[in-house]
Amino acid sequence: MAILRLFASAREAAGTGREEIAGETVADVLDEAVERFGEGFAEILATCRIWVDGEPGERDTPVGEQVEVAVLPPVSGGYA
């Protein structure tokens, strides 16, 4: 199973920061995550970057056992 790591608003929408999900590709993992976490999570996911084991990933990127799929929402901030 892949390890799905969720950050910031994606974590809040899912109610967890880590979940193990089976799948052969990033798409499989993310589609199952949407099933588990619902429409609010899906809306946030649409704006996120996906990283696979620390490298940029796409929906067709293969995943395997203990591969980390990280969901990173856009972040804003800075000095006022």
N, C-alpha and C. Protein backbone atom coordinates (compact mmCIF):
# COMPACT_ATOMS: atom_id res chain seq x y z
N MET A 1 0.84 -1.19 0.00
CA MET A 1 0.00 0.00 0.00
C MET A 1 0.88 1.25 0.00
N ALA A 2 0.39 2.27 -0.70
CA ALA A 2 1.06 3.56 -0.70
C ALA A 2 0.70 4.30 0.59
N ILE A 3 1.56 5.20 0.99
CA ILE A 3 1.30 6.05 2.15
C ILE A 3 0.90 7.42 1.64
N LEU A 4 -0.34 7.79 1.86
CA LEU A 4 -0.84 9.10 1.46
C LEU A 4 -0.58 10.07 2.59
N ARG A 5 0.15 11.14 2.31
CA ARG A 5 0.43 12.19 3.30
C ARG A 5 -0.31 13.44 2.87
N LEU A 6 -1.05 14.02 3.80
CA LEU A 6 -1.88 15.19 3.51
C LEU A 6 -1.41 16.36 4.35
N PHE A 7 -1.38 17.54 3.75
CA PHE A 7 -0.89 18.73 4.43
C PHE A 7 -1.91 19.87 4.35
N ALA A 8 -1.84 20.76 5.33
CA ALA A 8 -2.63 22.00 5.38
C ALA A 8 -4.13 21.73 5.15
N SER A 9 -4.74 22.41 4.19
CA SER A 9 -6.18 22.30 3.99
C SER A 9 -6.60 20.90 3.54
N ALA A 10 -5.74 20.17 2.87
CA ALA A 10 -6.07 18.79 2.49
C ALA A 10 -6.19 17.92 3.74
N ARG A 11 -5.31 18.14 4.69
CA ARG A 11 -5.37 17.41 5.97
C ARG A 11 -6.66 17.75 6.70
N GLU A 12 -7.00 19.01 6.74
CA GLU A 12 -8.22 19.43 7.42
C GLU A 12 -9.46 18.82 6.78
N ALA A 13 -9.52 18.81 5.45
CA ALA A 13 -10.68 18.27 4.75
C ALA A 13 -10.82 16.76 4.96
N ALA A 14 -9.69 16.06 5.04
CA ALA A 14 -9.72 14.61 5.21
C ALA A 14 -9.88 14.19 6.67
N GLY A 15 -9.49 15.06 7.58
CA GLY A 15 -9.55 14.72 8.99
C GLY A 15 -8.39 13.84 9.44
N THR A 16 -7.36 13.75 8.61
CA THR A 16 -6.18 12.96 8.94
C THR A 16 -5.00 13.47 8.12
N GLY A 17 -3.82 13.20 8.59
CA GLY A 17 -2.62 13.60 7.86
C GLY A 17 -1.93 12.44 7.17
N ARG A 18 -2.40 11.21 7.45
CA ARG A 18 -1.73 10.03 6.89
C ARG A 18 -2.74 8.90 6.74
N GLU A 19 -2.66 8.22 5.61
CA GLU A 19 -3.56 7.10 5.35
C GLU A 19 -2.82 6.13 4.44
N GLU A 20 -3.00 4.85 4.64
CA GLU A 20 -2.45 3.85 3.73
C GLU A 20 -3.54 3.44 2.75
N ILE A 21 -3.21 3.52 1.46
CA ILE A 21 -4.19 3.25 0.41
C ILE A 21 -3.54 2.39 -0.68
N ALA A 22 -4.23 1.35 -1.07
CA ALA A 22 -3.74 0.49 -2.14
C ALA A 22 -3.99 1.13 -3.50
N GLY A 23 -3.07 0.90 -4.42
CA GLY A 23 -3.23 1.39 -5.78
C GLY A 23 -1.97 1.15 -6.58
N GLU A 24 -2.12 1.10 -7.88
CA GLU A 24 -0.97 0.89 -8.76
C GLU A 24 -0.42 2.20 -9.29
N THR A 25 -1.26 3.26 -9.28
CA THR A 25 -0.83 4.57 -9.77
C THR A 25 -1.29 5.65 -8.78
N VAL A 26 -0.75 6.84 -8.97
CA VAL A 26 -1.20 7.97 -8.16
C VAL A 26 -2.70 8.16 -8.33
N ALA A 27 -3.21 8.01 -9.53
CA ALA A 27 -4.65 8.17 -9.78
C ALA A 27 -5.46 7.20 -8.93
N ASP A 28 -5.02 5.95 -8.85
CA ASP A 28 -5.73 4.97 -8.02
C ASP A 28 -5.79 5.42 -6.56
N VAL A 29 -4.66 5.89 -6.06
CA VAL A 29 -4.58 6.32 -4.66
C VAL A 29 -5.46 7.54 -4.42
N LEU A 30 -5.38 8.52 -5.31
CA LEU A 30 -6.17 9.74 -5.12
C LEU A 30 -7.66 9.49 -5.30
N ASP A 31 -8.02 8.64 -6.24
CA ASP A 31 -9.44 8.33 -6.44
C ASP A 31 -10.03 7.64 -5.20
N GLU A 32 -9.26 6.74 -4.60
CA GLU A 32 -9.72 6.08 -3.37
C GLU A 32 -9.80 7.09 -2.23
N ALA A 33 -8.86 8.03 -2.18
CA ALA A 33 -8.90 9.06 -1.14
C ALA A 33 -10.16 9.91 -1.27
N VAL A 34 -10.55 10.25 -2.48
CA VAL A 34 -11.78 11.03 -2.70
C VAL A 34 -12.98 10.22 -2.22
N GLU A 35 -12.99 8.92 -2.51
CA GLU A 35 -14.08 8.06 -2.03
C GLU A 35 -14.16 8.08 -0.50
N ARG A 36 -13.02 8.01 0.15
CA ARG A 36 -12.99 7.97 1.61
C ARG A 36 -13.32 9.31 2.25
N PHE A 37 -12.82 10.40 1.67
CA PHE A 37 -12.88 11.70 2.34
C PHE A 37 -13.93 12.65 1.80
N GLY A 38 -14.50 12.38 0.63
CA GLY A 38 -15.63 13.14 0.15
C GLY A 38 -15.35 14.33 -0.75
N GLU A 39 -16.44 15.02 -1.08
CA GLU A 39 -16.42 16.11 -2.05
C GLU A 39 -15.56 17.30 -1.60
N GLY A 40 -15.60 17.63 -0.32
CA GLY A 40 -14.77 18.74 0.16
C GLY A 40 -13.29 18.48 -0.09
N PHE A 41 -12.87 17.25 0.14
CA PHE A 41 -11.49 16.87 -0.13
C PHE A 41 -11.21 16.94 -1.63
N ALA A 42 -12.15 16.48 -2.45
CA ALA A 42 -11.97 16.51 -3.91
C ALA A 42 -11.78 17.93 -4.42
N GLU A 43 -12.52 18.88 -3.87
CA GLU A 43 -12.39 20.28 -4.29
C GLU A 43 -11.00 20.82 -3.97
N ILE A 44 -10.49 20.50 -2.82
CA ILE A 44 -9.15 20.96 -2.45
C ILE A 44 -8.10 20.25 -3.28
N LEU A 45 -8.28 18.96 -3.50
CA LEU A 45 -7.33 18.16 -4.28
C LEU A 45 -7.09 18.77 -5.66
N ALA A 46 -8.13 19.35 -6.25
CA ALA A 46 -8.03 19.93 -7.59
C ALA A 46 -7.00 21.05 -7.67
N THR A 47 -6.65 21.67 -6.55
CA THR A 47 -5.69 22.78 -6.55
C THR A 47 -4.31 22.37 -6.05
N CYS A 48 -4.13 21.11 -5.72
CA CYS A 48 -2.91 20.65 -5.06
C CYS A 48 -1.85 20.16 -6.02
N ARG A 49 -0.61 20.19 -5.54
CA ARG A 49 0.52 19.55 -6.19
C ARG A 49 0.68 18.17 -5.57
N ILE A 50 1.12 17.22 -6.38
CA ILE A 50 1.32 15.86 -5.91
C ILE A 50 2.81 15.52 -6.03
N TRP A 51 3.36 14.98 -4.95
CA TRP A 51 4.76 14.55 -4.93
C TRP A 51 4.79 13.07 -4.58
N VAL A 52 5.66 12.34 -5.25
CA VAL A 52 5.82 10.91 -5.01
C VAL A 52 7.26 10.65 -4.58
N ASP A 53 7.41 10.22 -3.34
CA ASP A 53 8.74 10.01 -2.76
C ASP A 53 9.66 11.21 -2.98
N GLY A 54 9.12 12.40 -2.76
CA GLY A 54 9.91 13.63 -2.81
C GLY A 54 10.13 14.21 -4.19
N GLU A 55 9.51 13.64 -5.21
CA GLU A 55 9.64 14.14 -6.58
C GLU A 55 8.25 14.48 -7.12
N PRO A 56 8.14 15.47 -8.01
CA PRO A 56 6.83 15.78 -8.59
C PRO A 56 6.22 14.55 -9.25
N GLY A 57 4.93 14.35 -9.04
CA GLY A 57 4.24 13.19 -9.60
C GLY A 57 3.04 13.60 -10.41
N GLU A 58 2.62 12.72 -11.29
CA GLU A 58 1.43 12.90 -12.12
C GLU A 58 0.46 11.76 -11.81
N ARG A 59 -0.75 11.86 -12.31
CA ARG A 59 -1.76 10.83 -12.03
C ARG A 59 -1.33 9.45 -12.54
N ASP A 60 -0.54 9.40 -13.61
CA ASP A 60 -0.13 8.10 -14.15
C ASP A 60 1.18 7.58 -13.56
N THR A 61 1.74 8.29 -12.57
CA THR A 61 2.96 7.84 -11.92
C THR A 61 2.68 6.55 -11.15
N PRO A 62 3.48 5.50 -11.40
CA PRO A 62 3.26 4.24 -10.67
C PRO A 62 3.64 4.38 -9.20
N VAL A 63 2.94 3.65 -8.36
CA VAL A 63 3.27 3.60 -6.93
C VAL A 63 3.33 2.13 -6.52
N GLY A 64 4.03 1.88 -5.43
CA GLY A 64 4.15 0.53 -4.91
C GLY A 64 4.08 0.55 -3.40
N GLU A 65 4.51 -0.54 -2.80
CA GLU A 65 4.50 -0.67 -1.35
C GLU A 65 5.36 0.42 -0.70
N GLN A 66 4.78 1.08 0.28
CA GLN A 66 5.46 2.08 1.10
C GLN A 66 5.95 3.30 0.32
N VAL A 67 5.42 3.52 -0.89
CA VAL A 67 5.72 4.74 -1.64
C VAL A 67 4.89 5.86 -1.02
N GLU A 68 5.51 7.01 -0.80
CA GLU A 68 4.80 8.14 -0.21
C GLU A 68 4.24 9.04 -1.30
N VAL A 69 2.93 9.25 -1.25
CA VAL A 69 2.23 10.18 -2.14
C VAL A 69 1.81 11.36 -1.28
N ALA A 70 2.39 12.52 -1.52
CA ALA A 70 2.12 13.71 -0.71
C ALA A 70 1.22 14.67 -1.48
N VAL A 71 0.20 15.18 -0.80
CA VAL A 71 -0.74 16.14 -1.36
C VAL A 71 -0.45 17.50 -0.71
N LEU A 72 0.00 18.45 -1.54
CA LEU A 72 0.42 19.76 -1.04
C LEU A 72 -0.44 20.86 -1.63
N PRO A 73 -1.33 21.43 -0.83
CA PRO A 73 -2.15 22.55 -1.30
C PRO A 73 -1.28 23.80 -1.52
N PRO A 74 -1.77 24.73 -2.31
CA PRO A 74 -1.04 25.99 -2.47
C PRO A 74 -0.92 26.69 -1.12
N VAL A 75 0.20 27.36 -0.92
CA VAL A 75 0.44 28.06 0.34
C VAL A 75 0.68 29.52 0.03
N SER A 76 0.06 30.38 0.81
CA SER A 76 0.32 31.81 0.68
C SER A 76 0.84 32.33 1.99
N GLY A 77 1.45 33.44 1.94
CA GLY A 77 1.98 34.01 3.18
C GLY A 77 3.12 34.95 2.86
N GLY A 78 3.82 35.32 3.87
CA GLY A 78 4.93 36.24 3.70
C GLY A 78 4.87 37.30 4.78
N TYR A 79 5.61 38.34 4.55
CA TYR A 79 5.70 39.42 5.52
C TYR A 79 4.64 40.49 5.22
N ALA A 80 4.07 41.02 6.25
CA ALA A 80 3.07 42.06 6.07
C ALA A 80 3.71 43.42 6.24
